[in-house]
Each structure stands twice: as C-alpha cells, then as structure tokens.
Amino acid sequence: MKTPALFFLLFSVLLSFCGSSDHPAVQVTRDNIRYAGEENIEAYMNTLHEESPVYAGTQRSLANLFNNYDLKYEVEEAYVLTETDTLVEVQYVQVTRNPGDGQFRDNRLEAINTLKKSGDVWKIYSTRILHVSYLDKEE
C-alpha cells in the first residue's frame, strides 16, 4: 500500500519542477533579455557562461546592435524544459520590436537556452533558435 503513495508523491515532486517558470535558470533567461532592453552590456555578459563558444564575440555584437537600434524586448513565456544536475534547458518566446527607423524587423522568437552552472549560478551556455516569425508593425 505504501508503494503507490510513495510513487505518487515522487511523481508529483518531479512534475512540479518540469515546466517550472520560477526556476533560477528561467530568471537568468528573463534577466538576459531585460538587460538587452536596458542596453546594459556588462549585466548581459554576466548572464552568459564564460566557457560559451559565443562569449568572446557577443560583447562586440551587442555594442554594434545597441549603437544602431533602440529595441524593445518582451518575454511572452519562459519555462524549464529539461533539467539535470549539470544542465537546464529553458524554452522561451521573446518578442523584439524596433520602434524607430532602421532595417531591423520586429519578430517573435521561439528558442531554447541551455544553461550550465558557473560556481553556484546558472548561466547561458548556448541558444538554439526553434522558430522566428516576423511581425507586421501593427501587431
């Protein structure tokens, strides 16, 4: 009789972590996008894992982006997709808008961030883009 109850309890605990939107890795993803909107390169870089293969070029790319555009970012949703002791995948939907002039097209991006621990802190190691859809200015 105790086995089904124990199984149910463990299953419930596991489910509570899957799809979680209050996991620290989700907050890192949200912070990363917020810092992009604030054009805060130092804080943005602090959300990236130092061993990420794109770490070195990101700072230059951000400076160029921020010098040319004043983009607005919104996270529509973000949640834990998978988690192990060493990796967390956060799936999210981000909307980026260019309220000014320029060739940047407003878009909705669906992606997965893979985060690794740096000390005790989750940091973004890589991003896999699942889908990009371009928005009309009225959307």
C-alpha atoms as a PDB file:
ATOM      1  CA  MET A   1       0.000   0.000   0.000  1.00  0.00           C
ATOM      2  CA  LYS A   2       2.862   2.404   0.703  1.00  0.00           C
ATOM      3  CA  THR A   3       4.445   1.929  -2.739  1.00  0.00           C
ATOM      4  CA  PRO A   4       1.644   3.611  -4.769  1.00  0.00           C
ATOM      5  CA  ALA A   5       1.524   6.546  -2.353  1.00  0.00           C
ATOM      6  CA  LEU A   6       5.304   6.968  -2.489  1.00  0.00           C
ATOM      7  CA  PHE A   7       5.280   6.748  -6.290  1.00  0.00           C
ATOM      8  CA  PHE A   8       2.543   9.393  -6.479  1.00  0.00           C
ATOM      9  CA  LEU A   9       4.468  11.704  -4.139  1.00  0.00           C
ATOM     10  CA  LEU A  10       7.702  11.375  -6.150  1.00  0.00           C
ATOM     11  CA  PHE A  11       5.848  11.837  -9.437  1.00  0.00           C
ATOM     12  CA  SER A  12       4.172  14.989  -8.095  1.00  0.00           C
ATOM     13  CA  VAL A  13       7.505  16.431  -6.977  1.00  0.00           C
ATOM     14  CA  LEU A  14       9.077  15.739 -10.382  1.00  0.00           C
ATOM     15  CA  LEU A  15       6.161  17.341 -12.186  1.00  0.00           C
ATOM     16  CA  SER A  16       6.454  20.450 -10.062  1.00  0.00           C
ATOM     17  CA  PHE A  17       9.948  21.060 -11.427  1.00  0.00           C
ATOM     18  CA  CYS A  18       9.227  20.282 -15.082  1.00  0.00           C
ATOM     19  CA  GLY A  19       7.759  23.265 -16.845  1.00  0.00           C
ATOM     20  CA  SER A  20       8.586  25.482 -13.890  1.00  0.00           C
ATOM     21  CA  SER A  21       8.656  29.201 -14.587  1.00  0.00           C
ATOM     22  CA  ASP A  22      10.143  30.167 -11.204  1.00  0.00           C
ATOM     23  CA  HIS A  23      13.386  28.187 -11.559  1.00  0.00           C
ATOM     24  CA  PRO A  24      16.585  30.300 -11.211  1.00  0.00           C
ATOM     25  CA  ALA A  25      17.558  29.388 -14.806  1.00  0.00           C
ATOM     26  CA  VAL A  26      14.290  30.907 -16.059  1.00  0.00           C
ATOM     27  CA  GLN A  27      15.107  34.089 -14.157  1.00  0.00           C
ATOM     28  CA  VAL A  28      18.560  34.190 -15.788  1.00  0.00           C
ATOM     29  CA  THR A  29      16.880  33.962 -19.208  1.00  0.00           C
ATOM     30  CA  ARG A  30      14.461  36.766 -18.291  1.00  0.00           C
ATOM     31  CA  ASP A  31      17.307  38.891 -16.883  1.00  0.00           C
ATOM     32  CA  ASN A  32      19.373  38.357 -20.026  1.00  0.00           C
ATOM     33  CA  ILE A  33      16.568  39.711 -22.204  1.00  0.00           C
ATOM     34  CA  ARG A  34      15.824  42.568 -19.777  1.00  0.00           C
ATOM     35  CA  TYR A  35      19.493  43.633 -19.839  1.00  0.00           C
ATOM     36  CA  ALA A  36      19.400  43.669 -23.637  1.00  0.00           C
ATOM     37  CA  GLY A  37      16.455  46.078 -23.444  1.00  0.00           C
ATOM     38  CA  GLU A  38      18.334  48.225 -20.950  1.00  0.00           C
ATOM     39  CA  GLU A  39      21.402  48.082 -23.229  1.00  0.00           C
ATOM     40  CA  ASN A  40      23.449  47.013 -20.216  1.00  0.00           C
ATOM     41  CA  ILE A  41      26.320  45.093 -21.784  1.00  0.00           C
ATOM     42  CA  GLU A  42      28.076  44.291 -18.504  1.00  0.00           C
ATOM     43  CA  ALA A  43      24.961  42.812 -16.877  1.00  0.00           C
ATOM     44  CA  TYR A  44      24.058  40.975 -20.100  1.00  0.00           C
ATOM     45  CA  MET A  45      27.519  39.409 -20.302  1.00  0.00           C
ATOM     46  CA  ASN A  46      27.229  38.364 -16.654  1.00  0.00           C
ATOM     47  CA  THR A  47      24.301  36.090 -17.626  1.00  0.00           C
ATOM     48  CA  LEU A  48      26.484  34.198 -20.140  1.00  0.00           C
ATOM     49  CA  HIS A  49      28.685  31.250 -19.226  1.00  0.00           C
ATOM     50  CA  GLU A  50      32.372  32.149 -19.525  1.00  0.00           C
ATOM     51  CA  GLU A  51      33.083  28.922 -21.447  1.00  0.00           C
ATOM     52  CA  SER A  52      30.367  29.530 -24.043  1.00  0.00           C
ATOM     53  CA  PRO A  53      31.744  29.360 -27.583  1.00  0.00           C
ATOM     54  CA  VAL A  54      29.990  32.656 -28.418  1.00  0.00           C
ATOM     55  CA  TYR A  55      31.105  34.554 -25.308  1.00  0.00           C
ATOM     56  CA  ALA A  56      34.048  36.394 -26.885  1.00  0.00           C
ATOM     57  CA  GLY A  57      32.151  37.797 -29.877  1.00  0.00           C
ATOM     58  CA  THR A  58      28.967  38.679 -28.039  1.00  0.00           C
ATOM     59  CA  GLN A  59      30.209  41.890 -26.419  1.00  0.00           C
ATOM     60  CA  ARG A  60      31.242  43.393 -29.772  1.00  0.00           C
ATOM     61  CA  SER A  61      27.975  42.314 -31.373  1.00  0.00           C
ATOM     62  CA  LEU A  62      25.948  43.895 -28.563  1.00  0.00           C
ATOM     63  CA  ALA A  63      27.817  47.190 -28.801  1.00  0.00           C
ATOM     64  CA  ASN A  64      27.092  47.325 -32.525  1.00  0.00           C
ATOM     65  CA  LEU A  65      23.426  46.404 -32.008  1.00  0.00           C
ATOM     66  CA  PHE A  66      22.914  48.979 -29.247  1.00  0.00           C
ATOM     67  CA  ASN A  67      24.649  51.717 -31.259  1.00  0.00           C
ATOM     68  CA  ASN A  68      22.348  51.167 -34.237  1.00  0.00           C
ATOM     69  CA  TYR A  69      18.961  50.306 -32.696  1.00  0.00           C
ATOM     70  CA  ASP A  70      16.825  51.059 -29.662  1.00  0.00           C
ATOM     71  CA  LEU A  71      14.996  47.744 -29.477  1.00  0.00           C
ATOM     72  CA  LYS A  72      12.220  46.799 -27.066  1.00  0.00           C
ATOM     73  CA  TYR A  73      12.073  43.253 -25.722  1.00  0.00           C
ATOM     74  CA  GLU A  74       9.301  41.250 -24.116  1.00  0.00           C
ATOM     75  CA  VAL A  75       9.290  37.700 -22.784  1.00  0.00           C
ATOM     76  CA  GLU A  76       5.907  36.156 -23.527  1.00  0.00           C
ATOM     77  CA  GLU A  77       6.703  32.873 -21.775  1.00  0.00           C
ATOM     78  CA  ALA A  78       9.653  31.008 -20.300  1.00  0.00           C
ATOM     79  CA  TYR A  79       9.804  27.664 -18.536  1.00  0.00           C
ATOM     80  CA  VAL A  80      12.130  24.764 -17.735  1.00  0.00           C
ATOM     81  CA  LEU A  81      12.032  22.155 -20.459  1.00  0.00           C
ATOM     82  CA  THR A  82      14.576  19.709 -19.010  1.00  0.00           C
ATOM     83  CA  GLU A  83      16.926  19.639 -16.060  1.00  0.00           C
ATOM     84  CA  THR A  84      19.856  17.526 -14.925  1.00  0.00           C
ATOM     85  CA  ASP A  85      22.464  18.169 -12.239  1.00  0.00           C
ATOM     86  CA  THR A  86      24.680  19.973 -14.746  1.00  0.00           C
ATOM     87  CA  LEU A  87      22.327  21.426 -17.411  1.00  0.00           C
ATOM     88  CA  VAL A  88      18.982  23.182 -17.593  1.00  0.00           C
ATOM     89  CA  GLU A  89      17.100  23.898 -20.812  1.00  0.00           C
ATOM     90  CA  VAL A  90      14.748  26.878 -20.740  1.00  0.00           C
ATOM     91  CA  GLN A  91      12.300  27.262 -23.590  1.00  0.00           C
ATOM     92  CA  TYR A  92      11.023  30.779 -24.144  1.00  0.00           C
ATOM     93  CA  VAL A  93       9.217  33.118 -26.506  1.00  0.00           C
ATOM     94  CA  GLN A  94      10.685  36.579 -26.980  1.00  0.00           C
ATOM     95  CA  VAL A  95       9.181  39.466 -28.933  1.00  0.00           C
ATOM     96  CA  THR A  96      11.599  42.106 -30.189  1.00  0.00           C
ATOM     97  CA  ARG A  97      10.368  45.394 -31.626  1.00  0.00           C
ATOM     98  CA  ASN A  98      12.119  48.284 -33.292  1.00  0.00           C
ATOM     99  CA  PRO A  99      10.050  51.395 -32.532  1.00  0.00           C
ATOM    100  CA  GLY A 100      12.424  53.575 -34.554  1.00  0.00           C
ATOM    101  CA  ASP A 101      13.811  53.629 -38.045  1.00  0.00           C
ATOM    102  CA  GLY A 102      16.195  51.069 -39.397  1.00  0.00           C
ATOM    103  CA  GLN A 103      16.197  47.751 -41.144  1.00  0.00           C
ATOM    104  CA  PHE A 104      15.582  45.612 -38.074  1.00  0.00           C
ATOM    105  CA  ARG A 105      12.325  43.655 -38.439  1.00  0.00           C
ATOM    106  CA  ASP A 106      10.030  43.133 -35.469  1.00  0.00           C
ATOM    107  CA  ASN A 107       9.906  39.435 -34.640  1.00  0.00           C
ATOM    108  CA  ARG A 108       8.734  36.696 -32.324  1.00  0.00           C
ATOM    109  CA  LEU A 109      11.471  34.239 -31.485  1.00  0.00           C
ATOM    110  CA  GLU A 110      10.994  30.779 -30.000  1.00  0.00           C
ATOM    111  CA  ALA A 111      14.214  29.373 -28.583  1.00  0.00           C
ATOM    112  CA  ILE A 112      15.831  27.124 -26.021  1.00  0.00           C
ATOM    113  CA  ASN A 113      18.653  28.339 -23.783  1.00  0.00           C
ATOM    114  CA  THR A 114      20.971  25.695 -22.396  1.00  0.00           C
ATOM    115  CA  LEU A 115      22.362  26.827 -19.063  1.00  0.00           C
ATOM    116  CA  LYS A 116      25.342  25.433 -17.156  1.00  0.00           C
ATOM    117  CA  LYS A 117      26.482  26.220 -13.647  1.00  0.00           C
ATOM    118  CA  SER A 118      29.278  28.719 -13.145  1.00  0.00           C
ATOM    119  CA  GLY A 119      30.089  28.194  -9.492  1.00  0.00           C
ATOM    120  CA  ASP A 120      26.635  28.137  -7.899  1.00  0.00           C
ATOM    121  CA  VAL A 121      24.960  30.282 -10.570  1.00  0.00           C
ATOM    122  CA  TRP A 122      23.174  29.122 -13.730  1.00  0.00           C
ATOM    123  CA  LYS A 123      24.480  30.909 -16.841  1.00  0.00           C
ATOM    124  CA  ILE A 124      23.511  30.698 -20.511  1.00  0.00           C
ATOM    125  CA  TYR A 125      25.894  28.458 -22.420  1.00  0.00           C
ATOM    126  CA  SER A 126      24.094  28.265 -25.762  1.00  0.00           C
ATOM    127  CA  THR A 127      20.870  29.172 -27.508  1.00  0.00           C
ATOM    128  CA  ARG A 128      19.042  27.097 -30.086  1.00  0.00           C
ATOM    129  CA  ILE A 129      16.512  29.016 -32.166  1.00  0.00           C
ATOM    130  CA  LEU A 130      13.423  26.972 -32.930  1.00  0.00           C
ATOM    131  CA  HIS A 131      11.396  29.452 -34.943  1.00  0.00           C
ATOM    132  CA  VAL A 132      11.367  33.115 -35.922  1.00  0.00           C
ATOM    133  CA  SER A 133       8.272  34.824 -37.249  1.00  0.00           C
ATOM    134  CA  TYR A 134       8.307  38.398 -38.491  1.00  0.00           C
ATOM    135  CA  LEU A 135       5.627  40.748 -37.289  1.00  0.00           C
ATOM    136  CA  ASP A 136       3.798  43.496 -39.090  1.00  0.00           C
ATOM    137  CA  LYS A 137       4.225  46.902 -37.451  1.00  0.00           C
ATOM    138  CA  GLU A 138       0.562  46.781 -36.321  1.00  0.00           C
ATOM    139  CA  GLU A 139       0.938  43.517 -34.343  1.00  0.00           C
END
